[in-house]
Amino acid sequence: QVQLVESGGGLVQPGGSLRLSCAASGSSFRLNDMGWYRQAPGKQRELVATRTKNYADSVKGRFTISRDDAKNTVYLQMNSLKPEDTAVYYCKVYGTYNDGRYFELWGQGTLVTVSS
């Protein structure tokens, strides 16, 4: 069974940076696709970035998604953070077990707070 663990959230001042990580652990699997989402208080969850480097307009030029296949980890580098970036950030992965079964998993979420 694959598990996801997110890390890297926290409190940062406007203009600061954070890097979120989402690590998949388990055995006999391959990650095929992944993305980052966020949900601000009182708002719907929205897509932030995809593996193919499509970004929400609000984060273009500031956020960068990357992956380390050797570590089964996906990252979200967030620069020039703004108060409106405050949200719980979730990673989502799609993968395949070696026996051919597909899976789709959400991370547990990590809170990013941008405030002075």
Protein backbone atom coordinates (compact mmCIF):
# COMPACT_ATOMS: atom_id res chain seq x y z
CA GLN A 1 0.00 0.00 0.00
CA VAL A 2 1.39 3.37 -1.01
CA GLN A 3 1.38 6.18 1.52
CA LEU A 4 2.00 9.90 1.00
CA VAL A 5 3.61 12.20 3.51
CA GLU A 6 3.66 15.93 2.96
CA SER A 7 6.00 18.35 4.67
CA GLY A 8 7.38 21.85 4.40
CA GLY A 9 4.46 24.06 5.31
CA GLY A 10 4.60 26.77 7.91
CA LEU A 11 4.41 30.47 8.61
CA VAL A 12 6.29 32.79 6.27
CA GLN A 13 6.34 36.53 5.73
CA PRO A 14 5.12 38.04 2.48
CA GLY A 15 7.85 37.82 -0.13
CA GLY A 16 9.33 34.74 1.47
CA SER A 17 9.78 31.22 0.15
CA LEU A 18 8.85 27.70 1.13
CA ARG A 19 9.39 24.31 -0.45
CA LEU A 20 6.75 21.66 -0.01
CA SER A 21 7.56 17.97 -0.34
CA CYS A 22 5.32 15.01 -0.98
CA ALA A 23 6.98 11.64 -0.55
CA ALA A 24 5.42 8.36 -1.59
CA SER A 25 6.46 5.23 0.25
CA GLY A 26 5.64 1.60 -0.14
CA SER A 27 6.72 -1.12 -2.49
CA SER A 28 6.16 -2.31 -6.03
CA PHE A 29 4.70 0.81 -7.52
CA ARG A 30 5.39 3.56 -10.02
CA LEU A 31 4.17 7.13 -9.93
CA ASN A 32 2.72 8.23 -13.25
CA ASP A 33 1.36 11.67 -12.59
CA MET A 34 1.17 14.17 -9.79
CA GLY A 35 0.02 17.64 -8.94
CA TRP A 36 -0.41 20.18 -6.20
CA TYR A 37 -3.70 21.68 -5.05
CA ARG A 38 -4.66 24.11 -2.36
CA GLN A 39 -7.72 25.04 -0.37
CA ALA A 40 -8.04 28.39 1.30
CA PRO A 41 -10.52 28.96 4.14
CA GLY A 42 -14.05 29.17 2.80
CA LYS A 43 -12.98 28.35 -0.74
CA GLN A 44 -13.00 25.32 -2.97
CA ARG A 45 -9.89 23.27 -3.57
CA GLU A 46 -8.06 24.49 -6.64
CA LEU A 47 -5.32 23.15 -8.86
CA VAL A 48 -1.99 24.89 -8.36
CA ALA A 49 0.46 22.96 -10.54
CA THR A 50 0.63 19.80 -12.62
CA ARG A 51 3.49 17.49 -13.57
CA THR A 52 3.39 18.92 -17.07
CA LYS A 53 4.09 22.34 -15.52
CA ASN A 54 0.69 23.86 -16.02
CA TYR A 55 0.21 26.43 -13.30
CA ALA A 56 -2.71 28.41 -11.97
CA ASP A 57 -2.52 31.96 -13.28
CA SER A 58 -2.20 33.25 -9.74
CA VAL A 59 1.09 31.40 -9.16
CA LYS A 60 2.76 31.53 -12.57
CA GLY A 61 6.31 32.76 -12.35
CA ARG A 62 6.43 32.22 -8.59
CA PHE A 63 5.81 28.50 -8.03
CA THR A 64 7.70 25.59 -9.56
CA ILE A 65 6.78 21.91 -9.47
CA SER A 66 9.49 19.29 -9.69
CA ARG A 67 10.00 15.61 -8.97
CA ASP A 68 12.72 13.24 -7.89
CA ASP A 69 11.85 9.83 -9.29
CA ALA A 70 14.59 8.11 -7.33
CA LYS A 71 12.97 9.30 -4.12
CA ASN A 72 9.36 9.07 -5.33
CA THR A 73 8.97 12.65 -4.22
CA VAL A 74 7.33 15.68 -5.76
CA TYR A 75 8.14 19.21 -4.69
CA LEU A 76 6.53 22.62 -4.90
CA GLN A 77 8.94 25.52 -4.66
CA MET A 78 7.02 28.65 -3.72
CA ASN A 79 8.70 32.04 -4.03
CA SER A 80 7.48 35.60 -3.58
CA LEU A 81 4.68 34.36 -1.39
CA LYS A 82 1.63 36.54 -0.89
CA PRO A 83 -1.01 36.53 1.84
CA GLU A 84 -3.50 35.19 -0.69
CA ASP A 85 -1.36 32.07 -1.02
CA THR A 86 -2.41 31.10 2.50
CA ALA A 87 -4.08 27.71 2.27
CA VAL A 88 -3.76 24.04 3.01
CA TYR A 89 -1.70 22.53 0.21
CA TYR A 90 -2.33 18.98 -0.96
CA CYS A 91 -0.41 16.78 -3.32
CA LYS A 92 -2.19 14.24 -5.45
CA VAL A 93 -0.54 11.33 -7.19
CA TYR A 94 -1.60 8.75 -9.73
CA GLY A 95 0.30 5.55 -10.01
CA THR A 96 0.39 1.89 -10.84
CA TYR A 97 1.26 -1.11 -8.75
CA ASN A 98 3.45 -3.74 -10.35
CA ASP A 99 0.42 -6.03 -10.61
CA GLY A 100 -1.23 -3.48 -12.88
CA ARG A 101 -3.65 -1.90 -10.42
CA TYR A 102 -4.02 1.87 -10.64
CA PHE A 103 -4.19 4.09 -7.60
CA GLU A 104 -4.93 7.71 -6.87
CA LEU A 105 -3.94 9.24 -3.55
CA TRP A 106 -4.16 12.56 -1.74
CA GLY A 107 -1.60 13.76 0.74
CA GLN A 108 -2.71 14.72 4.22
CA GLY A 109 -2.27 18.43 3.52
CA THR A 110 0.20 20.95 4.87
CA LEU A 111 -0.74 24.43 6.02
CA VAL A 112 0.98 27.43 4.50
CA THR A 113 0.36 30.76 6.20
CA VAL A 114 1.70 33.94 4.64
CA SER A 115 1.51 36.79 7.10
CA SER A 116 3.59 39.54 8.60
